[in-house]
N, C-alpha and C. Protein backbone atom coordinates (compact mmCIF):
# COMPACT_ATOMS: atom_id res chain seq x y z
N MET A 1 8.78 -24.33 -8.78
CA MET A 1 9.02 -23.98 -7.45
C MET A 1 9.98 -23.10 -7.29
N THR A 2 11.41 -23.44 -8.01
CA THR A 2 12.73 -22.41 -7.59
C THR A 2 12.26 -21.00 -8.34
N GLU A 3 11.50 -20.98 -9.08
CA GLU A 3 11.38 -19.76 -9.40
C GLU A 3 10.49 -18.74 -8.54
N LEU A 4 9.39 -19.76 -8.12
CA LEU A 4 8.55 -19.03 -7.07
C LEU A 4 9.10 -18.70 -5.92
N LEU A 5 9.75 -19.33 -5.08
CA LEU A 5 10.41 -19.05 -3.81
C LEU A 5 11.11 -17.63 -3.96
N PRO A 6 12.01 -17.08 -4.64
CA PRO A 6 12.35 -16.06 -4.73
C PRO A 6 11.30 -14.86 -5.04
N LEU A 7 10.38 -15.39 -5.70
CA LEU A 7 9.06 -14.42 -6.05
C LEU A 7 8.32 -14.28 -4.77
N MET A 8 8.22 -15.02 -4.24
CA MET A 8 7.22 -15.40 -3.01
C MET A 8 7.97 -14.54 -2.03
N SER A 9 9.20 -14.53 -1.59
CA SER A 9 10.06 -13.73 -0.41
C SER A 9 9.98 -12.32 -0.99
N TYR A 10 10.28 -11.94 -2.18
CA TYR A 10 10.30 -10.55 -2.63
C TYR A 10 9.01 -10.19 -2.17
N CYS A 11 8.10 -10.83 -2.44
CA CYS A 11 6.37 -10.21 -2.31
C CYS A 11 6.29 -10.30 -0.43
N LEU A 12 6.76 -11.09 -0.21
CA LEU A 12 6.64 -11.12 1.65
C LEU A 12 7.35 -9.73 2.03
N VAL A 13 8.54 -9.47 1.66
CA VAL A 13 9.58 -8.06 1.94
C VAL A 13 8.68 -6.75 1.76
N MET A 14 8.17 -6.87 0.41
CA MET A 14 7.87 -5.78 0.02
C MET A 14 6.18 -5.66 0.45
N SER A 15 5.60 -6.65 0.94
CA SER A 15 4.36 -6.41 1.34
C SER A 15 4.18 -6.28 2.89
N GLY A 16 5.45 -6.87 3.99
CA GLY A 16 5.26 -7.02 4.92
C GLY A 16 5.97 -5.57 5.91
N THR A 17 7.09 -5.01 5.25
CA THR A 17 7.56 -4.11 5.95
C THR A 17 6.69 -2.78 5.74
N PRO A 18 7.11 -1.40 6.75
CA PRO A 18 6.48 -0.53 6.55
C PRO A 18 6.38 0.33 5.43
N GLY A 19 5.28 0.72 4.88
CA GLY A 19 5.33 1.52 3.74
C GLY A 19 3.63 2.36 4.13
N PRO A 20 3.24 3.00 3.03
CA PRO A 20 2.09 3.74 2.88
C PRO A 20 0.94 2.70 3.31
N ASN A 21 0.69 1.72 2.74
CA ASN A 21 -0.41 0.94 2.78
C ASN A 21 -0.55 0.30 4.24
N ASN A 22 0.68 -0.06 4.90
CA ASN A 22 0.93 -0.83 6.32
C ASN A 22 0.42 0.29 7.23
N VAL A 23 0.90 1.56 6.98
CA VAL A 23 0.75 2.71 8.01
C VAL A 23 -0.67 2.62 8.00
N MET A 24 -1.53 3.29 6.38
CA MET A 24 -2.85 3.19 6.49
C MET A 24 -3.70 2.26 7.52
N LEU A 25 -3.28 0.85 7.08
CA LEU A 25 -3.93 -0.17 8.01
C LEU A 25 -4.22 -0.27 9.30
N ALA A 26 -2.69 -0.08 9.77
CA ALA A 26 -2.55 0.08 11.04
C ALA A 26 -3.68 0.85 11.60
N THR A 27 -3.46 2.17 10.99
CA THR A 27 -4.15 3.34 11.47
C THR A 27 -5.32 3.41 11.42
N SER A 28 -6.05 2.57 10.40
CA SER A 28 -7.68 2.20 10.39
C SER A 28 -7.77 1.24 11.35
N GLY A 29 -7.14 0.22 11.54
CA GLY A 29 -7.25 -0.74 12.71
C GLY A 29 -7.05 -0.40 14.19
N ALA A 30 -6.53 0.92 14.17
CA ALA A 30 -6.19 1.52 15.63
C ALA A 30 -7.69 1.96 15.92
N ASN A 31 -8.09 2.74 14.55
CA ASN A 31 -8.99 3.85 14.81
C ASN A 31 -10.74 3.51 14.76
N PHE A 32 -10.85 2.48 13.85
CA PHE A 32 -12.13 1.79 13.37
C PHE A 32 -12.29 0.44 13.60
N GLY A 33 -11.23 -0.66 14.08
CA GLY A 33 -11.62 -1.64 14.16
C GLY A 33 -11.46 -2.48 12.89
N TYR A 34 -11.27 -3.71 13.12
CA TYR A 34 -11.11 -4.92 11.89
C TYR A 34 -12.34 -4.71 10.85
N ARG A 35 -13.50 -4.55 11.15
CA ARG A 35 -14.45 -4.54 10.10
C ARG A 35 -14.18 -2.70 9.31
N GLY A 36 -13.45 -1.48 10.03
CA GLY A 36 -13.25 -0.58 9.28
C GLY A 36 -12.26 -0.67 8.58
N ALA A 37 -11.25 -1.51 8.81
CA ALA A 37 -9.98 -1.82 7.90
C ALA A 37 -10.24 -2.48 6.99
N LEU A 38 -11.24 -3.16 7.03
CA LEU A 38 -11.74 -4.39 6.03
C LEU A 38 -11.68 -3.77 4.24
N PRO A 39 -12.51 -2.60 4.34
CA PRO A 39 -12.28 -2.17 2.68
C PRO A 39 -11.06 -2.08 2.41
N ALA A 40 -10.47 -1.12 3.42
CA ALA A 40 -9.26 -0.66 2.58
C ALA A 40 -8.09 -1.80 2.50
N ILE A 41 -8.22 -3.09 3.46
CA ILE A 41 -7.31 -4.44 2.97
C ILE A 41 -8.06 -4.67 1.58
N LEU A 42 -9.22 -4.66 1.44
CA LEU A 42 -9.69 -5.35 0.21
C LEU A 42 -9.21 -4.73 -1.05
N GLY A 43 -9.51 -3.18 -0.97
CA GLY A 43 -8.89 -2.40 -1.90
C GLY A 43 -7.19 -2.12 -2.27
N ILE A 44 -6.70 -2.38 -1.13
CA ILE A 44 -5.06 -2.67 -1.58
C ILE A 44 -5.28 -3.52 -2.37
N GLN A 45 -5.57 -4.87 -2.22
CA GLN A 45 -5.30 -6.14 -2.68
C GLN A 45 -5.83 -6.01 -3.99
N VAL A 46 -6.74 -5.43 -4.57
CA VAL A 46 -7.27 -5.38 -5.65
C VAL A 46 -6.52 -4.50 -6.40
N GLY A 47 -5.96 -3.14 -5.99
CA GLY A 47 -5.44 -2.29 -6.46
C GLY A 47 -3.85 -2.81 -6.83
N VAL A 48 -3.18 -3.21 -6.22
CA VAL A 48 -2.05 -3.93 -6.15
C VAL A 48 -2.34 -5.12 -7.51
N PHE A 49 -2.98 -5.86 -7.27
CA PHE A 49 -3.04 -6.92 -8.47
C PHE A 49 -3.40 -6.32 -9.92
N VAL A 50 -4.32 -5.28 -9.78
CA VAL A 50 -4.34 -4.86 -11.29
C VAL A 50 -3.16 -3.72 -11.89
N GLN A 51 -2.55 -3.13 -10.46
CA GLN A 51 -1.41 -2.52 -10.99
C GLN A 51 -0.18 -3.47 -11.21
N THR A 52 0.20 -4.43 -10.70
CA THR A 52 1.08 -5.47 -11.30
C THR A 52 0.56 -6.06 -12.27
N PHE A 53 -0.42 -6.57 -12.90
CA PHE A 53 -0.95 -7.39 -13.83
C PHE A 53 -0.84 -6.34 -15.02
N VAL A 54 -1.32 -5.04 -15.22
CA VAL A 54 -0.90 -4.12 -16.37
C VAL A 54 0.49 -3.78 -16.21
N THR A 55 1.23 -3.61 -15.34
CA THR A 55 2.49 -3.50 -15.53
C THR A 55 3.26 -4.59 -16.19
N CYS A 56 2.90 -5.87 -15.60
CA CYS A 56 3.56 -7.13 -16.20
C CYS A 56 3.35 -7.49 -17.61
N VAL A 57 2.19 -6.98 -18.08
CA VAL A 57 1.61 -6.99 -19.59
C VAL A 57 2.41 -6.05 -20.35
N GLY A 58 3.02 -4.77 -19.71
CA GLY A 58 3.54 -3.86 -20.48
C GLY A 58 3.63 -2.44 -20.61
N LEU A 59 2.90 -1.96 -19.30
CA LEU A 59 3.29 -0.76 -18.57
C LEU A 59 4.64 -0.32 -18.14
N GLY A 60 5.46 -1.37 -17.57
CA GLY A 60 6.79 -1.39 -17.47
C GLY A 60 7.71 -1.26 -18.47
N SER A 61 7.29 -1.23 -19.75
CA SER A 61 8.15 -0.99 -20.91
C SER A 61 8.33 0.43 -20.99
N VAL A 62 6.92 1.30 -20.70
CA VAL A 62 6.80 2.68 -20.82
C VAL A 62 7.53 2.91 -19.88
N PHE A 63 7.52 2.87 -18.69
CA PHE A 63 8.50 3.28 -17.51
C PHE A 63 9.97 3.32 -17.75
N ILE A 64 10.39 2.33 -18.46
CA ILE A 64 12.07 2.05 -19.11
C ILE A 64 11.93 2.97 -20.27
N ALA A 65 11.23 2.97 -20.71
CA ALA A 65 11.50 4.00 -22.03
C ALA A 65 11.07 5.71 -21.62
N TYR A 66 10.46 5.74 -20.92
CA TYR A 66 9.66 7.35 -20.34
C TYR A 66 10.05 7.24 -18.89
N PRO A 67 11.51 7.16 -18.43
CA PRO A 67 11.83 7.66 -16.97
C PRO A 67 10.81 8.53 -16.32
N GLN A 68 10.70 9.72 -16.71
CA GLN A 68 10.04 10.90 -16.49
C GLN A 68 8.61 10.70 -16.12
N VAL A 69 7.55 9.79 -16.55
CA VAL A 69 6.30 9.40 -16.58
C VAL A 69 6.71 8.90 -14.88
N GLN A 70 7.66 7.76 -14.70
CA GLN A 70 7.64 7.35 -13.47
C GLN A 70 7.85 8.36 -12.40
N GLN A 71 8.82 9.12 -12.77
CA GLN A 71 9.03 10.40 -11.93
C GLN A 71 8.01 11.18 -11.74
N LEU A 72 6.86 11.23 -12.49
CA LEU A 72 5.76 12.43 -12.49
C LEU A 72 4.84 11.50 -11.45
N LEU A 73 5.03 10.19 -11.50
CA LEU A 73 3.87 9.36 -10.65
C LEU A 73 4.47 9.28 -9.23
N ARG A 74 5.56 9.27 -9.02
CA ARG A 74 6.49 9.71 -8.00
C ARG A 74 5.90 10.53 -7.03
N LEU A 75 6.02 11.81 -7.54
CA LEU A 75 5.81 13.20 -7.50
C LEU A 75 4.38 12.99 -6.75
N ALA A 76 3.34 12.91 -7.96
CA ALA A 76 1.92 12.43 -7.42
C ALA A 76 1.86 12.06 -6.37
N GLY A 77 2.37 10.71 -6.21
CA GLY A 77 2.29 9.81 -5.08
C GLY A 77 2.83 10.40 -3.85
N SER A 78 3.83 11.14 -3.87
CA SER A 78 4.38 11.74 -2.69
C SER A 78 3.27 12.75 -2.25
N LEU A 79 2.94 13.58 -2.58
CA LEU A 79 1.69 14.78 -2.52
C LEU A 79 0.46 13.95 -2.22
N TYR A 80 0.46 12.92 -2.65
CA TYR A 80 -1.06 12.42 -2.21
C TYR A 80 -0.62 11.65 -0.65
N LEU A 81 0.67 11.08 -0.41
CA LEU A 81 1.08 10.88 0.64
C LEU A 81 0.85 11.75 1.73
N LEU A 82 0.92 13.05 1.46
CA LEU A 82 0.96 13.93 2.22
C LEU A 82 -0.53 14.13 2.52
N VAL A 83 -1.27 14.45 1.53
CA VAL A 83 -2.88 14.49 2.01
C VAL A 83 -3.17 13.30 2.96
N LEU A 84 -2.89 11.96 2.51
CA LEU A 84 -3.39 10.88 3.59
C LEU A 84 -2.62 11.08 4.95
N ALA A 85 -1.46 11.77 4.80
CA ALA A 85 -0.74 11.95 6.35
C ALA A 85 -1.82 12.90 7.26
N TRP A 86 -2.24 13.84 6.36
CA TRP A 86 -3.53 14.62 7.02
C TRP A 86 -4.68 14.04 7.34
N LYS A 87 -5.20 13.48 6.70
CA LYS A 87 -6.29 12.66 7.14
C LYS A 87 -6.01 11.74 8.00
N LEU A 88 -5.01 10.77 7.96
CA LEU A 88 -5.17 9.91 9.03
C LEU A 88 -4.23 10.59 10.37
N SER A 89 -3.62 11.60 10.37
CA SER A 89 -3.33 12.13 11.50
C SER A 89 -4.55 12.44 12.45
N GLY A 90 -5.69 12.40 11.81
CA GLY A 90 -7.03 12.63 12.42
C GLY A 90 -7.06 14.59 12.78
N ALA A 91 -6.36 15.43 11.83
CA ALA A 91 -6.49 16.71 12.05
C ALA A 91 -7.72 17.41 12.13
N ALA A 92 -8.60 16.88 11.70
CA ALA A 92 -10.08 17.23 11.12
C ALA A 92 -10.98 16.79 12.48
N VAL A 93 -10.43 16.01 13.19
CA VAL A 93 -11.47 15.45 14.42
C VAL A 93 -11.85 17.10 15.05
N GLY A 94 -11.14 17.85 15.29
CA GLY A 94 -11.01 18.67 16.21
C GLY A 94 -12.11 20.09 15.47
N GLU A 95 -12.40 19.75 14.11
CA GLU A 95 -13.06 20.62 13.20
C GLU A 95 -14.54 20.74 13.12
N GLY A 96 -15.04 19.29 14.02
CA GLY A 96 -16.48 19.62 14.17
C GLY A 96 -17.02 18.40 13.28
N HIS A 97 -16.21 17.17 12.72
CA HIS A 97 -16.49 15.87 12.02
C HIS A 97 -15.42 15.01 11.94
N THR A 98 -16.45 13.83 12.27
CA THR A 98 -15.42 12.56 12.65
C THR A 98 -14.86 12.05 11.28
N PRO A 99 -13.35 11.53 11.47
CA PRO A 99 -12.77 11.08 10.17
C PRO A 99 -13.34 9.90 10.15
N LYS A 100 -13.42 9.40 8.55
CA LYS A 100 -14.08 8.45 8.36
C LYS A 100 -13.05 7.36 7.75
N PRO A 101 -13.01 6.02 7.80
CA PRO A 101 -11.73 5.01 7.55
C PRO A 101 -11.78 5.04 6.10
N VAL A 102 -10.32 4.56 5.34
CA VAL A 102 -10.22 4.64 4.05
C VAL A 102 -11.25 3.74 3.37
N SER A 103 -11.69 3.86 2.38
CA SER A 103 -12.87 3.09 1.62
C SER A 103 -12.11 2.22 0.68
N PHE A 104 -12.92 1.07 0.03
CA PHE A 104 -12.16 -0.14 -0.86
C PHE A 104 -11.67 1.07 -1.94
N ALA A 105 -12.53 1.88 -2.57
CA ALA A 105 -12.10 2.65 -3.91
C ALA A 105 -11.15 3.48 -3.35
N GLU A 106 -10.83 4.23 -2.46
CA GLU A 106 -9.75 5.10 -2.32
C GLU A 106 -8.55 3.86 -1.92
N ALA A 107 -8.60 3.19 -1.33
CA ALA A 107 -7.43 2.24 -1.37
C ALA A 107 -7.11 1.51 -2.75
N ALA A 108 -7.93 1.22 -3.07
CA ALA A 108 -7.43 0.41 -4.71
C ALA A 108 -6.93 1.76 -5.63
N LEU A 109 -7.67 2.91 -5.80
CA LEU A 109 -7.00 3.90 -6.24
C LEU A 109 -5.67 4.81 -5.92
N PHE A 110 -5.57 4.31 -4.61
CA PHE A 110 -4.14 5.21 -4.07
C PHE A 110 -2.92 4.24 -4.55
N GLN A 111 -3.23 2.75 -5.12
CA GLN A 111 -1.86 1.90 -5.51
C GLN A 111 -1.59 3.03 -6.94
N ALA A 112 -2.14 3.60 -7.90
CA ALA A 112 -1.76 4.19 -8.65
C ALA A 112 -0.69 5.63 -8.47
N LEU A 113 -0.86 6.13 -7.09
CA LEU A 113 0.04 6.98 -6.89
C LEU A 113 0.89 6.54 -5.81
N ASN A 114 0.81 5.29 -5.30
CA ASN A 114 1.95 4.79 -4.03
C ASN A 114 3.36 4.48 -4.70
N PRO A 115 4.20 5.14 -4.62
CA PRO A 115 5.47 4.97 -5.02
C PRO A 115 6.03 3.65 -4.63
N LYS A 116 5.43 2.80 -3.25
CA LYS A 116 6.46 1.73 -3.08
C LYS A 116 5.68 0.75 -4.14
N SER A 117 4.41 0.83 -4.10
CA SER A 117 3.40 0.04 -4.89
C SER A 117 3.97 -0.31 -6.39
N TRP A 118 4.45 1.04 -6.82
CA TRP A 118 4.92 1.03 -8.25
C TRP A 118 6.54 0.26 -8.36
N VAL A 119 7.33 0.57 -7.29
CA VAL A 119 8.62 0.12 -7.24
C VAL A 119 8.26 -1.58 -7.33
N LYS A 120 7.31 -2.05 -6.50
CA LYS A 120 6.86 -3.60 -6.31
C LYS A 120 6.53 -4.31 -7.60
N ALA A 121 5.75 -3.14 -8.11
CA ALA A 121 5.33 -3.53 -9.53
C ALA A 121 6.10 -3.84 -10.70
N VAL A 122 6.68 -2.91 -10.73
CA VAL A 122 7.77 -2.74 -11.95
C VAL A 122 8.92 -3.64 -11.73
N THR A 123 9.34 -3.79 -10.23
CA THR A 123 9.98 -4.91 -10.20
C THR A 123 9.95 -6.49 -10.59
N LEU A 124 8.83 -6.75 -10.12
CA LEU A 124 8.10 -7.89 -10.51
C LEU A 124 8.29 -7.93 -12.06
N ALA A 125 7.95 -6.93 -12.84
CA ALA A 125 7.16 -7.13 -14.10
C ALA A 125 9.10 -7.40 -14.81
N SER A 126 9.76 -6.78 -14.16
CA SER A 126 11.06 -6.95 -14.87
C SER A 126 12.13 -7.94 -14.30
N VAL A 127 11.95 -8.46 -13.40
CA VAL A 127 12.81 -9.44 -12.49
C VAL A 127 12.04 -10.62 -12.55
N PHE A 128 10.65 -11.09 -12.11
CA PHE A 128 10.19 -12.16 -11.95
C PHE A 128 9.23 -12.86 -12.23
N MET A 129 8.82 -12.34 -13.76
CA MET A 129 7.98 -12.57 -14.72
C MET A 129 8.71 -14.04 -15.21
N PRO A 130 8.08 -15.24 -15.01
CA PRO A 130 8.36 -16.44 -15.30
C PRO A 130 8.39 -16.76 -16.86
N SER A 131 9.90 -17.10 -17.22
CA SER A 131 9.94 -17.79 -18.51
C SER A 131 9.00 -18.80 -18.96
N GLY A 132 9.07 -18.80 -20.32
CA GLY A 132 8.12 -19.89 -20.48
C GLY A 132 6.55 -20.15 -20.84
N LEU A 133 6.11 -18.83 -20.09
CA LEU A 133 4.55 -18.27 -19.85
C LEU A 133 4.29 -17.33 -20.88
N SER A 134 2.97 -17.15 -21.41
CA SER A 134 2.82 -16.01 -21.90
C SER A 134 2.72 -14.82 -21.17
N ALA A 135 2.86 -13.79 -21.62
CA ALA A 135 2.61 -12.60 -20.90
C ALA A 135 1.79 -12.52 -19.91
N THR A 136 0.43 -12.85 -20.39
CA THR A 136 -0.85 -12.74 -19.63
C THR A 136 -0.83 -14.00 -18.73
N ASN A 137 -0.39 -15.16 -18.90
CA ASN A 137 -0.15 -16.37 -17.80
C ASN A 137 0.71 -15.75 -16.65
N GLY A 138 1.83 -15.60 -17.40
CA GLY A 138 2.73 -14.95 -16.42
C GLY A 138 2.48 -13.97 -15.33
N ALA A 139 1.98 -12.76 -16.15
CA ALA A 139 1.40 -11.70 -14.91
C ALA A 139 0.26 -12.24 -14.22
N LEU A 140 -0.47 -13.05 -14.64
CA LEU A 140 -1.74 -13.73 -13.82
C LEU A 140 -0.95 -14.91 -12.32
N LEU A 141 0.43 -15.47 -12.88
CA LEU A 141 1.30 -16.03 -11.85
C LEU A 141 1.56 -15.20 -10.80
N VAL A 142 2.16 -14.47 -11.33
CA VAL A 142 2.76 -13.13 -10.45
C VAL A 142 2.07 -12.29 -9.63
N CYS A 143 0.63 -12.25 -10.20
CA CYS A 143 -0.46 -11.36 -9.32
C CYS A 143 -1.17 -12.33 -8.42
N VAL A 144 -1.39 -13.45 -8.63
CA VAL A 144 -1.88 -14.38 -7.73
C VAL A 144 -1.06 -14.67 -6.69
N THR A 145 0.40 -14.80 -6.79
CA THR A 145 1.38 -14.86 -5.52
C THR A 145 1.22 -13.86 -4.81
N GLY A 146 1.27 -12.52 -5.40
CA GLY A 146 1.71 -11.89 -4.89
C GLY A 146 0.28 -11.11 -3.88
N THR A 147 -0.82 -11.79 -4.41
CA THR A 147 -1.85 -11.60 -3.39
C THR A 147 -2.05 -12.38 -2.39
N LEU A 148 -1.78 -13.57 -2.84
CA LEU A 148 -1.58 -14.67 -1.54
C LEU A 148 -0.71 -14.25 -0.55
N VAL A 149 0.69 -13.77 -0.77
CA VAL A 149 1.72 -13.44 0.05
C VAL A 149 1.10 -12.13 0.95
N GLY A 150 0.65 -11.01 -0.10
CA GLY A 150 0.37 -10.00 0.52
C GLY A 150 -0.81 -9.83 1.62
N THR A 151 -2.13 -10.32 1.04
CA THR A 151 -2.94 -10.51 1.99
C THR A 151 -2.83 -10.60 3.30
N PRO A 152 -1.88 -11.73 3.86
CA PRO A 152 -1.85 -11.98 5.04
C PRO A 152 -1.10 -10.73 5.84
N CYS A 153 -0.16 -10.33 5.00
CA CYS A 153 0.52 -9.08 5.53
C CYS A 153 -0.25 -7.86 5.84
N SER A 154 -0.91 -7.64 4.79
CA SER A 154 -2.20 -6.37 4.91
C SER A 154 -2.96 -6.54 6.22
N LEU A 155 -3.48 -8.08 6.65
CA LEU A 155 -4.52 -8.55 7.56
C LEU A 155 -3.77 -8.07 8.80
N THR A 156 -2.36 -8.57 8.70
CA THR A 156 -1.44 -8.44 9.94
C THR A 156 -1.52 -7.02 10.47
N TRP A 157 -1.23 -6.20 9.62
CA TRP A 157 -1.05 -4.81 9.97
C TRP A 157 -2.28 -4.16 10.41
N ALA A 158 -3.35 -4.69 10.00
CA ALA A 158 -4.65 -3.85 10.39
C ALA A 158 -5.28 -4.72 11.67
N LEU A 159 -4.40 -6.08 11.87
CA LEU A 159 -4.89 -6.73 13.29
C LEU A 159 -3.96 -6.06 14.58
N PHE A 160 -2.62 -5.44 13.85
CA PHE A 160 -1.54 -4.91 14.78
C PHE A 160 -2.19 -3.71 15.28
N GLY A 161 -3.18 -2.92 14.55
CA GLY A 161 -3.80 -1.88 14.75
C GLY A 161 -4.98 -1.87 15.74
N VAL A 162 -5.70 -3.27 15.33
CA VAL A 162 -6.75 -3.49 16.04
C VAL A 162 -6.24 -3.80 17.81
N SER A 163 -4.97 -4.40 17.78
CA SER A 163 -4.60 -4.81 19.01
C SER A 163 -3.95 -3.73 19.59
N ILE A 164 -3.83 -2.68 19.68
CA ILE A 164 -3.51 -1.18 20.04
C ILE A 164 -4.67 -0.54 20.42
N ARG A 165 -5.69 -0.71 19.64
CA ARG A 165 -7.10 0.21 20.05
C ARG A 165 -7.50 0.09 21.38
N ARG A 166 -7.51 -0.71 22.19
CA ARG A 166 -7.83 -0.62 23.71
C ARG A 166 -6.47 0.56 24.25
N LEU A 167 -5.73 0.61 24.01
CA LEU A 167 -4.54 1.41 24.50
C LEU A 167 -5.00 2.77 24.07
N LEU A 168 -5.64 3.15 23.12
CA LEU A 168 -5.95 4.18 22.48
C LEU A 168 -7.07 5.04 23.11
N ARG A 169 -8.04 4.21 23.77
CA ARG A 169 -9.06 4.55 24.07
C ARG A 169 -9.17 6.24 24.91
N ASP A 170 -8.15 6.43 25.14
CA ASP A 170 -7.89 7.81 25.75
C ASP A 170 -7.68 8.62 24.82
N PRO A 171 -8.51 9.89 24.42
CA PRO A 171 -8.28 10.44 23.20
C PRO A 171 -7.19 11.36 23.07
N ARG A 172 -6.32 11.60 24.08
CA ARG A 172 -5.00 11.98 24.03
C ARG A 172 -3.89 11.00 23.25
N LYS A 173 -4.00 9.85 23.90
CA LYS A 173 -3.23 8.59 23.30
C LYS A 173 -3.33 8.51 21.68
N GLN A 174 -4.88 8.54 21.33
CA GLN A 174 -5.09 8.06 20.14
C GLN A 174 -4.74 9.33 19.35
N ARG A 175 -4.58 10.66 19.65
CA ARG A 175 -4.25 11.56 18.81
C ARG A 175 -2.77 11.68 18.69
N VAL A 176 -2.06 11.23 19.78
CA VAL A 176 -0.48 10.89 19.54
C VAL A 176 -0.47 9.61 18.77
N PHE A 177 -1.03 8.68 18.65
CA PHE A 177 -0.91 7.51 17.80
C PHE A 177 -0.95 8.08 16.35
N ASN A 178 -2.42 8.67 16.02
CA ASN A 178 -2.50 9.20 14.83
C ASN A 178 -1.69 10.32 14.09
N LEU A 179 -1.09 11.13 14.99
CA LEU A 179 -0.02 12.22 14.66
C LEU A 179 1.00 11.55 14.38
N THR A 180 1.44 10.51 15.11
CA THR A 180 2.82 9.34 14.62
C THR A 180 2.60 9.00 13.33
N MET A 181 1.35 8.03 13.06
CA MET A 181 1.20 7.63 11.82
C MET A 181 1.47 8.66 10.95
N GLY A 182 0.58 9.72 10.96
CA GLY A 182 0.94 10.82 10.01
C GLY A 182 1.97 11.23 9.52
N ALA A 183 2.82 11.48 10.68
CA ALA A 183 4.46 11.65 10.41
C ALA A 183 4.87 10.63 10.00
N THR A 184 4.69 9.57 10.29
CA THR A 184 5.59 8.19 9.54
C THR A 184 5.31 8.72 7.58
N LEU A 185 4.09 8.68 7.65
CA LEU A 185 3.62 8.93 6.21
C LEU A 185 4.28 10.18 5.61
N LEU A 186 4.62 11.11 6.13
CA LEU A 186 5.32 12.42 5.92
C LEU A 186 6.80 12.02 5.74
N VAL A 187 7.09 11.30 6.26
CA VAL A 187 8.77 10.80 6.33
C VAL A 187 8.78 10.23 4.80
N LEU A 188 7.59 9.25 4.78
CA LEU A 188 7.85 8.41 3.46
C LEU A 188 7.48 9.18 2.19
N ALA A 189 6.75 10.31 2.09
CA ALA A 189 6.56 11.35 1.01
C ALA A 189 8.05 11.66 0.76
N LEU A 190 8.74 12.18 2.04
CA LEU A 190 9.67 13.01 1.84
C LEU A 190 10.68 11.93 1.14
N LEU A 191 10.90 10.83 1.71
CA LEU A 191 11.93 9.73 1.04
C LEU A 191 11.76 9.31 -0.20
N PHE A 192 10.24 9.22 -1.03
CA PHE A 192 9.93 8.88 -2.29
C PHE A 192 10.44 10.20 -3.14
N LEU A 193 10.55 11.85 -2.40
CA LEU A 193 10.91 12.56 -3.54
C LEU A 193 12.51 12.78 -3.48
N ARG A 194 13.17 12.00 -3.07
CA ARG A 194 14.66 12.17 -2.84
C ARG A 194 14.94 11.31 -4.27
């Protein structure tokens, strides 16, 4: 338990604070409701679980040996955040087609490019892997703990979006919200490039 408490605290901070996943969930909840956000919630959890597991059983050592690989992923992730910012801002709404919610596969695959998810996975692998367990069992413990802590955080962000949905019935207010969320992702992308 003494090892789990710091692990759980770290997962809570990383999963509960603003970042690309949470901005995406709040925007999806606000624009498409809880059901529309559910595929993204599940996709994020599966993507983070797989990413953390792979990192804990060995990919983290690749990043330590070859930091340029991590920098390349950071650049790719920042560029994808720009694309996601464009998509979530609803820029295509006026161009004749309605934006669609982020799918399960898009959310899961996004974790491979999400700089915050990589920071979390590498930190979990390098700091929180329990001693006395095999790499596989330790990785499973870390991943299950992260999922148990992260899922309620994801649900909360999506429900926050759902809760403000009524306020966004006016297309102008919805547009301002979408542009604000897109701008938030843009700022995060720029911060990750530093």
